[in-house]
Structure formats: structure tokens, C-alpha cells
Amino acid sequence: MASFSAYQGSCPYIKSILLLDSEGKRVAVKYYSDDWPTLNAKLAFEKSVFTKTQKTNARTEAEITMFENNIIVYKFIQDLHFFVTGGDDENELILATVLQGFYDAVALLLRGNVDKREALENLDLILLCLDEIVDGGMILETDANVIAGKVASHSVDSSAPLSEQTISQALATAREHLTRSLLK
């Protein structure tokens, strides 16, 4: 059986997906490449990408840029900046499709309230969303409805009575209610 790297040339490969706030700080990030081996290298890359793109107006449609031999497609909504990175030989349309799938799935999961506060309150859903889209750099799914459906099926039904929830589900529900009451 051929190794994964043998397929990398023929399959689209995602190097990273970044969700940053309006100041360039991490909200949710996933790296699928060894191009940035240390935390400091990853943070420096995130800062550089944010600085390079912050002056653009990527609110209506995705923008594309080249940076350090990478193609980066990105889009902003409210105070969140979405980025998908691929190698300089990747197809921009495929990267843009991954970005749009991530963007739309997050909008569905957050019920249209796409901002930093809502994203942080639902960070578990966003991280599950990333896991449904890309695994090890390989694209699994780009349809936002399918992604959101899979994530929703993994998440807790907090509207169910506590007596019908498992202990971990009940604790997650209690934590969610506590978080909401503290943020009011």
C-alpha cells in the first residue's frame, strides 16, 4: 500500500485552517503540515498572515493571496477572520470551496450569530467542524449542511431534560448555562 505522501501530489492538500479574531489572536486553528514545527513558528505565521490581509475587504467574497510559498484564501465576517492555506501548487478554487464550507458550516452551527463571543462559547462545535472538513490535510467534506449535520449529531442536546442525559452531557449543559449566565 502506498504511503500518504505518495498521494499528496494528486490529491488537494490543506496545510492549515485558521480562525482568528479582529486583532489576529487565535480562536480556533488546525495545522496539517510540518511547515511550522513549533508553537512560535505557528504564532508568527498567524501574525504575518493577519497583518498581510487585515487591510483588505474580504467581507463579501473570498480573497486569495500568495504568502511564503503558500496560497491563502480568506474571508471575514463580523470580528472573525477565516483562512485556509495550501501549497503554491494547489488549486485556488478547491481551497476556496473548503473555506466556504467552513464559513457556511460555522454560520449554520452558530445560527447566524457569527462573532468572536459566540465562536468562543461554541468552540467545541467549531473544532468538530474542522475535524469533519479536513483530516490530516486531506479534504473530507465541503458541503456546509453535511458538515453542520455531522457536528450537530456529535453534540449534546441541551434541550433534553437532565434526567434523560448522561452525566457528561448534564455537566456540559450545566457548564453551558453557567457560561451564558456569566457572560450576561
Protein backbone atom coordinates (compact mmCIF):
# COMPACT_ATOMS: atom_id res chain seq x y z
CA MET A 1 0.00 0.00 0.00
CA ALA A 2 1.34 3.43 -0.96
CA SER A 3 2.12 5.96 1.73
CA PHE A 4 0.08 9.12 2.23
CA SER A 5 2.86 11.29 0.82
CA ALA A 6 2.59 9.40 -2.49
CA TYR A 7 -0.97 10.68 -2.85
CA GLN A 8 -0.17 14.24 -1.82
CA GLY A 9 0.80 15.18 -5.37
CA SER A 10 -2.53 14.10 -6.85
CA CYS A 11 -4.93 14.99 -4.03
CA PRO A 12 -5.60 18.51 -2.82
CA TYR A 13 -3.81 19.07 0.47
CA ILE A 14 -4.70 21.64 3.12
CA LYS A 15 -1.79 22.95 5.21
CA SER A 16 -3.80 24.88 7.80
CA ILE A 17 -7.19 26.30 8.67
CA LEU A 18 -7.16 29.39 10.86
CA LEU A 19 -9.95 31.22 12.61
CA LEU A 20 -8.58 34.45 14.10
CA ASP A 21 -10.28 37.40 15.78
CA SER A 22 -10.16 41.02 14.60
CA GLU A 23 -6.85 41.52 16.44
CA GLY A 24 -5.18 38.47 14.90
CA LYS A 25 -5.49 36.32 18.04
CA ARG A 26 -6.36 32.62 17.80
CA VAL A 27 -9.94 31.47 18.10
CA ALA A 28 -9.50 28.02 16.51
CA VAL A 29 -6.60 26.74 14.41
CA LYS A 30 -5.59 23.40 12.92
CA TYR A 31 -2.28 22.68 11.20
CA TYR A 32 -1.90 19.69 8.89
CA SER A 33 1.65 20.40 7.70
CA ASP A 34 5.09 20.35 9.31
CA ASP A 35 5.93 23.71 7.68
CA TRP A 36 5.51 25.32 11.10
CA PRO A 37 7.06 22.83 13.56
CA THR A 38 6.88 24.89 16.75
CA LEU A 39 4.22 26.91 18.51
CA ASN A 40 6.29 30.06 17.99
CA ALA A 41 6.53 29.36 14.24
CA LYS A 42 2.74 28.88 14.09
CA LEU A 43 2.05 32.07 16.04
CA ALA A 44 4.48 34.04 13.85
CA PHE A 45 2.78 32.68 10.71
CA GLU A 46 -0.67 33.61 12.05
CA LYS A 47 0.51 37.14 12.89
CA SER A 48 2.11 37.57 9.46
CA VAL A 49 -0.97 36.30 7.62
CA PHE A 50 -3.23 38.55 9.68
CA THR A 51 -1.01 41.60 9.11
CA LYS A 52 -0.84 40.92 5.35
CA THR A 53 -4.61 40.57 4.97
CA GLN A 54 -6.11 42.96 7.53
CA LYS A 55 -6.22 45.95 5.16
CA THR A 56 -8.30 44.06 2.59
CA ASN A 57 -12.08 43.98 2.48
CA ALA A 58 -12.83 40.26 2.26
CA ARG A 59 -16.36 40.55 3.62
CA THR A 60 -18.48 39.96 0.54
CA GLU A 61 -16.43 37.25 -1.12
CA ALA A 62 -13.23 35.31 -0.51
CA GLU A 63 -9.87 36.86 -1.36
CA ILE A 64 -6.74 34.99 -2.43
CA THR A 65 -3.11 35.87 -1.72
CA MET A 66 0.32 34.26 -2.00
CA PHE A 67 2.42 34.27 1.15
CA GLU A 68 5.68 32.39 1.89
CA ASN A 69 5.10 29.90 -0.97
CA ASN A 70 1.54 29.26 0.19
CA ILE A 71 -1.81 30.13 -1.30
CA ILE A 72 -4.11 31.59 1.32
CA VAL A 73 -7.83 32.10 0.75
CA TYR A 74 -9.64 34.12 3.35
CA LYS A 75 -12.90 35.76 4.26
CA PHE A 76 -14.04 37.96 7.14
CA ILE A 77 -17.36 38.14 8.96
CA GLN A 78 -18.03 40.41 11.94
CA ASP A 79 -14.91 40.17 14.11
CA LEU A 80 -13.76 36.77 12.78
CA HIS A 81 -11.21 36.10 10.05
CA PHE A 82 -11.33 32.70 8.29
CA PHE A 83 -8.21 31.41 6.46
CA VAL A 84 -7.41 28.24 4.51
CA THR A 85 -3.79 27.61 3.48
CA GLY A 86 -2.49 25.32 0.76
CA GLY A 87 0.79 24.87 -1.09
CA ASP A 88 1.64 27.15 -4.01
CA ASP A 89 0.71 24.33 -6.41
CA GLU A 90 -2.82 23.83 -5.03
CA ASN A 91 -5.96 24.77 -6.92
CA GLU A 92 -7.34 28.06 -5.57
CA LEU A 93 -10.92 27.00 -6.33
CA ILE A 94 -10.60 23.90 -4.16
CA LEU A 95 -9.12 25.96 -1.31
CA ALA A 96 -11.94 28.49 -1.73
CA THR A 97 -14.51 25.66 -1.61
CA VAL A 98 -13.02 24.42 1.69
CA LEU A 99 -13.10 27.98 3.05
CA GLN A 100 -16.73 28.49 2.01
CA GLY A 101 -17.75 25.13 3.51
CA PHE A 102 -16.08 26.03 6.83
CA TYR A 103 -17.52 29.54 6.81
CA ASP A 104 -21.07 28.38 5.99
CA ALA A 105 -20.97 25.46 8.45
CA VAL A 106 -19.89 27.80 11.28
CA ALA A 107 -22.71 30.21 10.31
CA LEU A 108 -25.21 27.32 10.45
CA LEU A 109 -23.89 25.98 13.77
CA LEU A 110 -23.90 29.45 15.37
CA ARG A 111 -27.37 30.11 13.94
CA GLY A 112 -26.19 33.18 12.04
CA ASN A 113 -24.60 34.78 15.14
CA VAL A 114 -21.07 34.60 13.76
CA ASP A 115 -18.88 36.65 16.08
CA LYS A 116 -15.97 36.02 18.44
CA ARG A 117 -18.06 35.69 21.59
CA GLU A 118 -20.45 33.16 20.05
CA ALA A 119 -17.50 31.29 18.47
CA LEU A 120 -15.71 31.01 21.82
CA GLU A 121 -18.91 29.84 23.55
CA ASN A 122 -19.26 27.12 20.90
CA LEU A 123 -15.58 26.33 20.37
CA ASP A 124 -16.27 22.60 20.66
CA LEU A 125 -18.61 22.79 17.65
CA ILE A 126 -16.06 24.76 15.61
CA LEU A 127 -13.28 22.26 16.40
CA LEU A 128 -15.59 19.36 15.47
CA CYS A 129 -16.40 21.26 12.28
CA LEU A 130 -12.69 21.44 11.39
CA ASP A 131 -12.38 17.70 12.03
CA GLU A 132 -15.30 16.97 9.68
CA ILE A 133 -13.81 19.12 6.89
CA VAL A 134 -10.16 18.04 6.86
CA ASP A 135 -8.30 15.06 8.31
CA GLY A 136 -4.52 15.03 8.15
CA GLY A 137 -4.60 17.60 5.36
CA MET A 138 -6.99 15.62 3.16
CA ILE A 139 -10.35 17.19 2.39
CA LEU A 140 -13.24 15.06 3.65
CA GLU A 141 -16.26 17.32 3.14
CA THR A 142 -17.07 20.81 1.85
CA ASP A 143 -20.88 20.84 1.96
CA ALA A 144 -21.84 23.08 4.90
CA ASN A 145 -25.14 21.29 5.52
CA VAL A 146 -23.44 17.89 5.74
CA ILE A 147 -20.67 19.27 7.98
CA ALA A 148 -23.12 21.02 10.32
CA GLY A 149 -25.33 17.91 10.40
CA LYS A 150 -22.44 15.65 11.41
CA VAL A 151 -21.26 18.13 14.06
CA ALA A 152 -24.80 18.54 15.43
CA SER A 153 -25.18 14.76 15.68
CA HIS A 154 -22.00 14.64 17.82
CA SER A 155 -23.01 17.49 20.10
CA VAL A 156 -25.20 17.45 23.18
CA ASP A 157 -28.94 18.04 23.02
CA SER A 158 -29.10 20.59 25.84
CA SER A 159 -32.87 20.93 25.46
CA ALA A 160 -33.43 17.35 26.68
CA PRO A 161 -34.43 17.03 30.34
CA LEU A 162 -31.47 16.44 32.67
CA SER A 163 -32.95 13.06 33.69
CA GLU A 164 -32.53 11.83 30.09
CA GLN A 165 -28.92 12.98 29.72
CA THR A 166 -25.75 11.12 30.61
CA ILE A 167 -23.57 12.53 33.39
CA SER A 168 -21.14 14.08 30.89
CA GLN A 169 -24.00 15.59 28.87
CA ALA A 170 -25.56 17.00 32.03
CA LEU A 171 -22.23 18.53 33.08
CA ALA A 172 -21.78 20.05 29.62
CA THR A 173 -25.30 21.51 29.79
CA ALA A 174 -24.64 22.92 33.27
CA ARG A 175 -21.33 24.40 32.10
CA GLU A 176 -23.08 26.00 29.11
CA HIS A 177 -25.76 27.56 31.33
CA LEU A 178 -23.12 28.83 33.76
CA THR A 179 -21.07 30.34 30.91
CA ARG A 180 -24.12 32.10 29.50
CA SER A 181 -25.09 33.50 32.91
CA LEU A 182 -21.54 34.80 33.49
CA LEU A 183 -21.39 36.49 30.09
CA LYS A 184 -24.65 38.41 30.56
